[in-house]
Amino acid sequence: MPAVSAEPVETILTAPGPEGLLEGTLLKPAEGAGQVVLIIPGSGPTDRNGNSPYGVRAATYRLLAEGLADAGIASLRIDKRGMFASRAALADPNAVTVADYADDVRAWAAVLQERTGAACTWLLGHSEGGLVALAAVEQTADDFCGLILAATHGRPFAEVLKEQLMANPHNAAVLDEALRAVGVLEAGRRIDTRSMDPALLPLFHPSVQGYLMDLFAYDPAALLHLYSGPVLILQGARDIQVSEADARRLSASAPAATLRLLADTNHVLKEVRSPDRAVNQAAYTDPDLPLAPGVLDSITDFLKAQSGNR
């Protein structure tokens, strides 16, 4: 009778935040792990599993963690400061900067080193989380083994946001107003939203304008150019939020980086074979849909190739 492999071990961890504790979930292979990956979530209220109250239920980060554990790699997925189980860390979750999130990444790296004994931590940043990873290594690169940038924008985010707004036909009625708002924030000025179309308020609410102005000031490719560690750039061809051009701009800034372009893979790293936008968006709501072919293999092959380098 074949032996039954032991299940991965899941543990809740905490790290110090600005006002209280941050919380995350460590998933370790039962037989131990030689490498540890910190999964950094994307924009907005995205939880440690990759879900959001705004309708995203893809469970991308949970699926990544489970796939990594099956490959013998430990991972920590986290709730952002002020949100979900990390809400005690900050009273106002909108009172943040990219540098604040980078501070939290460094706090988590210290916890992981203590709890796992790993000499360094790999950073897997998804979407905006890739920029946070880049900001984290800018200050203390020696704490980290390297970077995995998944569906990460390669241009200042104001450019990406304008492109996203123009690509969605449902924005036609508010597009001019939205583009003007992005331009004002890009120039470092706040927007008066009292007469703004209500459809745009979730994106440009006064409470998030400070964070958007801070976010717009970063150029991810310029940050990556300064980093000398190993890098994997992972990008799906069906991504309707971040384009192949972003991945190629990142790659051009770091010629030694490994670039993996995956066909039929969307922003939440699920397989989508149709060019239909509605079909693509439906994948955002399906936690039972597995990660697209090639996602986990690209990550695990890259990590295993680097296993003897640190």
Protein backbone atom coordinates (compact mmCIF):
# COMPACT_ATOMS: atom_id res chain seq x y z
CA MET A 1 0.00 0.00 0.00
CA PRO A 2 1.55 3.38 -0.98
CA ALA A 3 2.55 5.71 1.83
CA VAL A 4 0.23 8.63 2.49
CA SER A 5 2.14 11.91 2.42
CA ALA A 6 1.68 14.10 5.46
CA GLU A 7 -0.38 17.26 5.09
CA PRO A 8 1.27 20.69 5.18
CA VAL A 9 1.22 22.44 8.55
CA GLU A 10 -0.64 25.74 8.86
CA THR A 11 0.23 28.22 11.62
CA ILE A 12 -1.07 31.70 12.39
CA LEU A 13 1.79 34.17 12.87
CA THR A 14 1.88 37.78 14.05
CA ALA A 15 4.32 40.62 13.48
CA PRO A 16 4.59 44.08 15.04
CA GLY A 17 2.63 46.80 13.27
CA PRO A 18 2.47 50.56 13.91
CA GLU A 19 -0.40 50.40 16.44
CA GLY A 20 -0.99 46.67 16.95
CA LEU A 21 -0.25 43.27 15.50
CA LEU A 22 -0.20 42.20 11.89
CA GLU A 23 -1.44 38.68 11.16
CA GLY A 24 -0.67 36.09 8.51
CA THR A 25 -0.79 32.37 7.75
CA LEU A 26 2.37 30.29 7.45
CA LEU A 27 1.98 27.09 5.42
CA LYS A 28 4.91 24.70 5.71
CA PRO A 29 5.45 21.31 4.09
CA ALA A 30 5.22 18.52 6.65
CA GLU A 31 8.79 17.44 5.89
CA GLY A 32 10.23 20.93 6.37
CA ALA A 33 11.19 23.54 3.82
CA GLY A 34 14.44 24.93 2.57
CA GLN A 35 12.92 28.11 1.17
CA VAL A 36 10.30 30.55 2.45
CA VAL A 37 8.15 32.85 0.30
CA LEU A 38 6.29 35.92 1.58
CA ILE A 39 3.22 36.57 -0.60
CA ILE A 40 2.49 40.31 -0.74
CA PRO A 41 -1.12 41.17 -1.69
CA GLY A 42 -2.25 43.55 -4.40
CA SER A 43 -4.17 46.81 -4.17
CA GLY A 44 -7.13 47.72 -2.01
CA PRO A 45 -8.80 45.51 0.58
CA THR A 46 -7.26 42.25 -0.62
CA ASP A 47 -6.94 39.64 2.12
CA ARG A 48 -4.29 37.00 2.73
CA ASN A 49 -6.08 34.50 0.47
CA GLY A 50 -6.33 36.91 -2.46
CA ASN A 51 -10.01 37.81 -1.99
CA SER A 52 -11.73 41.17 -1.68
CA PRO A 53 -15.15 42.43 -0.55
CA TYR A 54 -15.37 44.09 -3.98
CA GLY A 55 -16.21 40.75 -5.57
CA VAL A 56 -12.82 39.08 -6.00
CA ARG A 57 -13.03 35.50 -4.71
CA ALA A 58 -10.30 33.85 -6.76
CA ALA A 59 -8.33 32.66 -3.68
CA THR A 60 -5.15 33.12 -5.71
CA TYR A 61 -2.79 33.46 -2.74
CA ARG A 62 -4.22 30.43 -0.96
CA LEU A 63 -3.79 28.39 -4.13
CA LEU A 64 -0.22 29.67 -4.50
CA ALA A 65 0.56 28.71 -0.91
CA GLU A 66 -0.88 25.23 -1.32
CA GLY A 67 0.99 24.68 -4.57
CA LEU A 68 4.25 25.86 -3.06
CA ALA A 69 3.77 23.54 -0.06
CA ASP A 70 3.23 20.60 -2.42
CA ALA A 71 6.60 21.49 -3.97
CA GLY A 72 8.32 21.57 -0.59
CA ILE A 73 8.36 25.36 -0.22
CA ALA A 74 6.96 27.25 2.77
CA SER A 75 4.98 30.46 2.38
CA LEU A 76 3.43 33.21 4.45
CA ARG A 77 0.38 35.05 3.19
CA ILE A 78 -0.65 38.18 5.06
CA ASP A 79 -3.43 40.65 5.81
CA LYS A 80 -2.40 44.26 5.16
CA ARG A 81 -2.12 46.71 8.06
CA GLY A 82 -5.53 48.04 9.14
CA MET A 83 -7.46 45.32 7.29
CA PHE A 84 -9.07 41.99 8.18
CA ALA A 85 -7.14 40.22 10.97
CA SER A 86 -4.46 42.96 10.85
CA ARG A 87 -7.01 45.71 11.59
CA ALA A 88 -5.52 46.32 15.05
CA ALA A 89 -2.26 47.39 13.40
CA LEU A 90 -3.73 50.68 12.13
CA ALA A 91 -6.98 52.48 12.95
CA ASP A 92 -7.33 54.00 9.47
CA PRO A 93 -6.32 51.49 6.77
CA ASN A 94 -6.20 54.29 4.20
CA ALA A 95 -3.57 56.26 6.14
CA VAL A 96 -0.71 54.37 4.51
CA THR A 97 2.12 54.75 2.02
CA VAL A 98 4.01 52.26 -0.10
CA ALA A 99 6.92 52.73 2.31
CA ASP A 100 4.65 51.72 5.21
CA TYR A 101 3.77 48.46 3.50
CA ALA A 102 7.48 47.91 2.79
CA ASP A 103 8.16 48.36 6.52
CA ASP A 104 5.64 45.61 7.22
CA VAL A 105 7.38 43.32 4.72
CA ARG A 106 10.64 43.82 6.58
CA ALA A 107 8.90 43.11 9.91
CA TRP A 108 7.51 39.88 8.47
CA ALA A 109 10.92 38.86 7.14
CA ALA A 110 12.35 39.14 10.65
CA VAL A 111 9.53 36.96 12.03
CA LEU A 112 10.04 34.36 9.32
CA GLN A 113 13.76 34.19 9.96
CA GLU A 114 13.08 33.59 13.65
CA ARG A 115 10.30 31.04 13.13
CA THR A 116 11.74 29.06 10.22
CA GLY A 117 15.48 29.55 10.51
CA ALA A 118 15.63 30.56 6.85
CA ALA A 119 18.61 32.79 6.10
CA CYS A 120 16.50 34.99 3.85
CA THR A 121 12.95 35.36 2.53
CA TRP A 122 11.73 35.31 -1.06
CA LEU A 123 9.23 38.06 -1.88
CA LEU A 124 6.34 37.22 -4.18
CA GLY A 125 4.51 40.45 -4.94
CA HIS A 126 1.27 40.23 -6.88
CA SER A 127 0.10 43.29 -8.82
CA GLU A 128 0.69 46.34 -6.57
CA GLY A 129 2.36 43.95 -4.12
CA GLY A 130 5.24 43.76 -6.59
CA LEU A 131 5.88 47.47 -6.13
CA VAL A 132 5.82 46.97 -2.35
CA ALA A 133 8.40 44.20 -2.75
CA LEU A 134 10.60 46.51 -4.81
CA ALA A 135 10.32 49.24 -2.18
CA ALA A 136 11.24 46.73 0.55
CA VAL A 137 14.43 45.53 -1.12
CA GLU A 138 15.45 49.11 -1.93
CA GLN A 139 16.20 49.64 1.77
CA THR A 140 17.43 46.25 3.02
CA ALA A 141 18.17 43.90 0.13
CA ASP A 142 20.27 41.55 2.27
CA ASP A 143 17.19 40.34 4.19
CA PHE A 144 15.70 38.90 1.02
CA CYS A 145 16.68 36.05 -1.30
CA GLY A 146 15.12 37.62 -4.37
CA LEU A 147 11.91 38.75 -6.05
CA ILE A 148 8.99 37.16 -7.86
CA LEU A 149 6.96 39.89 -9.56
CA ALA A 150 3.60 38.48 -10.66
CA ALA A 151 1.31 40.66 -12.79
CA THR A 152 3.24 43.70 -11.58
CA HIS A 153 3.00 47.01 -13.42
CA GLY A 154 6.24 48.21 -15.00
CA ARG A 155 5.30 51.88 -15.35
CA PRO A 156 4.21 54.58 -12.91
CA PHE A 157 0.76 53.51 -11.82
CA ALA A 158 -0.96 56.63 -13.12
CA GLU A 159 -0.12 55.48 -16.65
CA VAL A 160 -1.45 51.99 -15.95
CA LEU A 161 -4.65 53.34 -14.38
CA LYS A 162 -5.34 55.58 -17.37
CA GLU A 163 -4.88 52.60 -19.66
CA GLN A 164 -7.22 50.47 -17.53
CA LEU A 165 -9.89 53.17 -17.57
CA MET A 166 -9.69 53.59 -21.34
CA ALA A 167 -9.77 49.84 -21.99
CA ASN A 168 -13.10 49.29 -20.21
CA PRO A 169 -16.04 50.27 -22.48
CA HIS A 170 -18.29 50.67 -19.43
CA ASN A 171 -16.27 53.77 -18.47
CA ALA A 172 -17.21 55.74 -21.60
CA ALA A 173 -19.61 58.10 -19.84
CA VAL A 174 -17.14 59.04 -17.09
CA LEU A 175 -13.84 58.55 -18.88
CA ASP A 176 -12.95 62.21 -19.39
CA GLU A 177 -13.68 63.04 -15.76
CA ALA A 178 -11.69 60.02 -14.55
CA LEU A 179 -8.65 60.88 -16.68
CA ARG A 180 -8.71 64.47 -15.42
CA ALA A 181 -8.81 63.19 -11.84
CA VAL A 182 -5.79 60.95 -12.43
CA GLY A 183 -3.91 63.91 -13.90
CA VAL A 184 -4.65 66.09 -10.87
CA LEU A 185 -3.47 63.42 -8.43
CA GLU A 186 -0.43 62.71 -10.58
CA ALA A 187 0.50 66.38 -10.20
CA GLY A 188 0.30 65.99 -6.40
CA ARG A 189 -3.00 67.82 -5.86
CA ARG A 190 -6.19 66.58 -4.24
CA ILE A 191 -9.53 66.42 -6.06
CA ASP A 192 -12.79 67.97 -4.91
CA THR A 193 -15.21 65.04 -5.28
CA ARG A 194 -18.40 66.84 -4.26
CA SER A 195 -19.59 67.11 -7.86
CA MET A 196 -17.91 63.95 -9.11
CA ASP A 197 -19.96 61.24 -10.79
CA PRO A 198 -20.86 58.73 -8.02
CA ALA A 199 -19.51 55.88 -10.15
CA LEU A 200 -15.99 57.28 -9.68
CA LEU A 201 -16.13 57.82 -5.93
CA PRO A 202 -14.87 54.34 -4.95
CA LEU A 203 -11.70 55.01 -6.97
CA PHE A 204 -11.15 58.66 -6.05
CA HIS A 205 -12.69 58.93 -2.58
CA PRO A 206 -10.95 61.62 -0.51
CA SER A 207 -9.81 58.97 1.98
CA VAL A 208 -7.65 57.21 -0.63
CA GLN A 209 -6.29 60.21 -2.52
CA GLY A 210 -3.22 60.51 -0.30
CA TYR A 211 -2.28 56.91 -1.00
CA LEU A 212 -2.86 57.31 -4.73
CA MET A 213 -0.58 60.36 -4.88
CA ASP A 214 2.12 58.42 -3.07
CA LEU A 215 1.64 55.39 -5.33
CA PHE A 216 1.84 57.50 -8.49
CA ALA A 217 5.28 58.78 -7.47
CA TYR A 218 6.96 55.36 -7.92
CA ASP A 219 8.46 53.94 -11.10
CA PRO A 220 8.74 50.16 -10.62
CA ALA A 221 11.18 49.66 -13.48
CA ALA A 222 13.52 52.30 -12.06
CA LEU A 223 13.46 50.54 -8.68
CA LEU A 224 14.12 47.15 -10.25
CA HIS A 225 17.09 48.57 -12.16
CA LEU A 226 18.76 49.26 -8.80
CA TYR A 227 18.29 45.68 -7.52
CA SER A 228 20.98 43.08 -8.19
CA GLY A 229 19.37 39.95 -6.74
CA PRO A 230 17.57 37.17 -8.63
CA VAL A 231 14.23 38.14 -10.16
CA LEU A 232 11.37 36.26 -11.81
CA ILE A 233 8.87 38.36 -13.78
CA LEU A 234 5.63 36.45 -14.34
CA GLN A 235 2.96 37.86 -16.66
CA GLY A 236 -0.22 36.50 -18.19
CA ALA A 237 -1.21 37.27 -21.78
CA ARG A 238 -4.91 37.56 -20.80
CA ASP A 239 -4.29 40.10 -18.03
CA ILE A 240 -6.73 43.01 -18.46
CA GLN A 241 -5.14 45.09 -15.66
CA VAL A 242 -1.41 44.83 -16.35
CA SER A 243 -0.02 44.33 -19.83
CA GLU A 244 2.79 42.37 -21.42
CA ALA A 245 4.39 45.77 -22.11
CA ASP A 246 4.69 46.26 -18.33
CA ALA A 247 6.48 42.93 -17.95
CA ARG A 248 8.81 43.73 -20.82
CA ARG A 249 9.61 47.16 -19.36
CA LEU A 250 10.51 45.50 -16.07
CA SER A 251 12.61 42.93 -17.91
CA ALA A 252 14.44 45.61 -19.88
CA SER A 253 15.38 47.35 -16.64
CA ALA A 254 16.92 44.14 -15.26
CA PRO A 255 18.44 42.11 -18.12
CA ALA A 256 19.48 39.30 -15.76
CA ALA A 257 15.87 38.74 -14.65
CA THR A 258 13.91 35.69 -15.77
CA LEU A 259 10.81 36.62 -17.78
CA ARG A 260 7.91 34.17 -18.10
CA LEU A 261 4.97 35.10 -20.31
CA LEU A 262 2.02 32.74 -19.88
CA ALA A 263 -0.65 32.34 -22.54
CA ASP A 264 -4.31 32.29 -21.45
CA THR A 265 -3.46 33.56 -17.96
CA ASN A 266 -5.28 36.54 -16.44
CA HIS A 267 -4.50 39.00 -13.66
CA VAL A 268 -5.53 36.66 -10.84
CA LEU A 269 -3.40 33.93 -12.46
CA LYS A 270 -6.35 31.84 -13.65
CA GLU A 271 -6.73 30.28 -17.09
CA VAL A 272 -8.93 32.22 -19.52
CA ARG A 273 -9.10 31.05 -23.13
CA SER A 274 -11.56 33.65 -24.43
CA PRO A 275 -10.81 37.30 -25.29
CA ASP A 276 -14.24 38.18 -23.87
CA ARG A 277 -13.84 40.59 -20.94
CA ALA A 278 -16.84 39.13 -19.09
CA VAL A 279 -15.35 35.63 -19.25
CA ASN A 280 -12.07 37.00 -17.93
CA GLN A 281 -13.78 38.76 -15.03
CA ALA A 282 -15.80 35.65 -14.17
CA ALA A 283 -12.53 33.91 -13.29
CA TYR A 284 -12.02 36.51 -10.53
CA THR A 285 -14.99 35.03 -8.66
CA ASP A 286 -14.19 31.31 -8.88
CA PRO A 287 -12.04 29.93 -6.03
CA ASP A 288 -12.45 26.40 -7.40
CA LEU A 289 -10.75 27.30 -10.68
CA PRO A 290 -7.11 26.21 -10.33
CA LEU A 291 -4.16 28.42 -11.11
CA ALA A 292 -3.36 28.59 -14.81
CA PRO A 293 -0.93 26.02 -16.21
CA GLY A 294 2.63 27.19 -15.86
CA VAL A 295 2.11 29.54 -12.92
CA LEU A 296 3.33 27.24 -10.17
CA ASP A 297 5.89 25.48 -12.36
CA SER A 298 7.45 28.82 -13.33
CA ILE A 299 7.76 29.82 -9.67
CA THR A 300 8.96 26.50 -8.28
CA ASP A 301 11.45 25.90 -11.12
CA PHE A 302 12.88 29.38 -10.55
CA LEU A 303 13.16 28.87 -6.79
CA LYS A 304 14.75 25.45 -7.11
CA ALA A 305 17.27 26.81 -9.61
CA GLN A 306 18.21 29.45 -7.04
CA SER A 307 18.21 27.15 -3.98
CA GLY A 308 21.97 26.89 -3.71
CA ASN A 309 22.70 30.57 -4.20
CA ARG A 310 21.92 31.86 -0.69
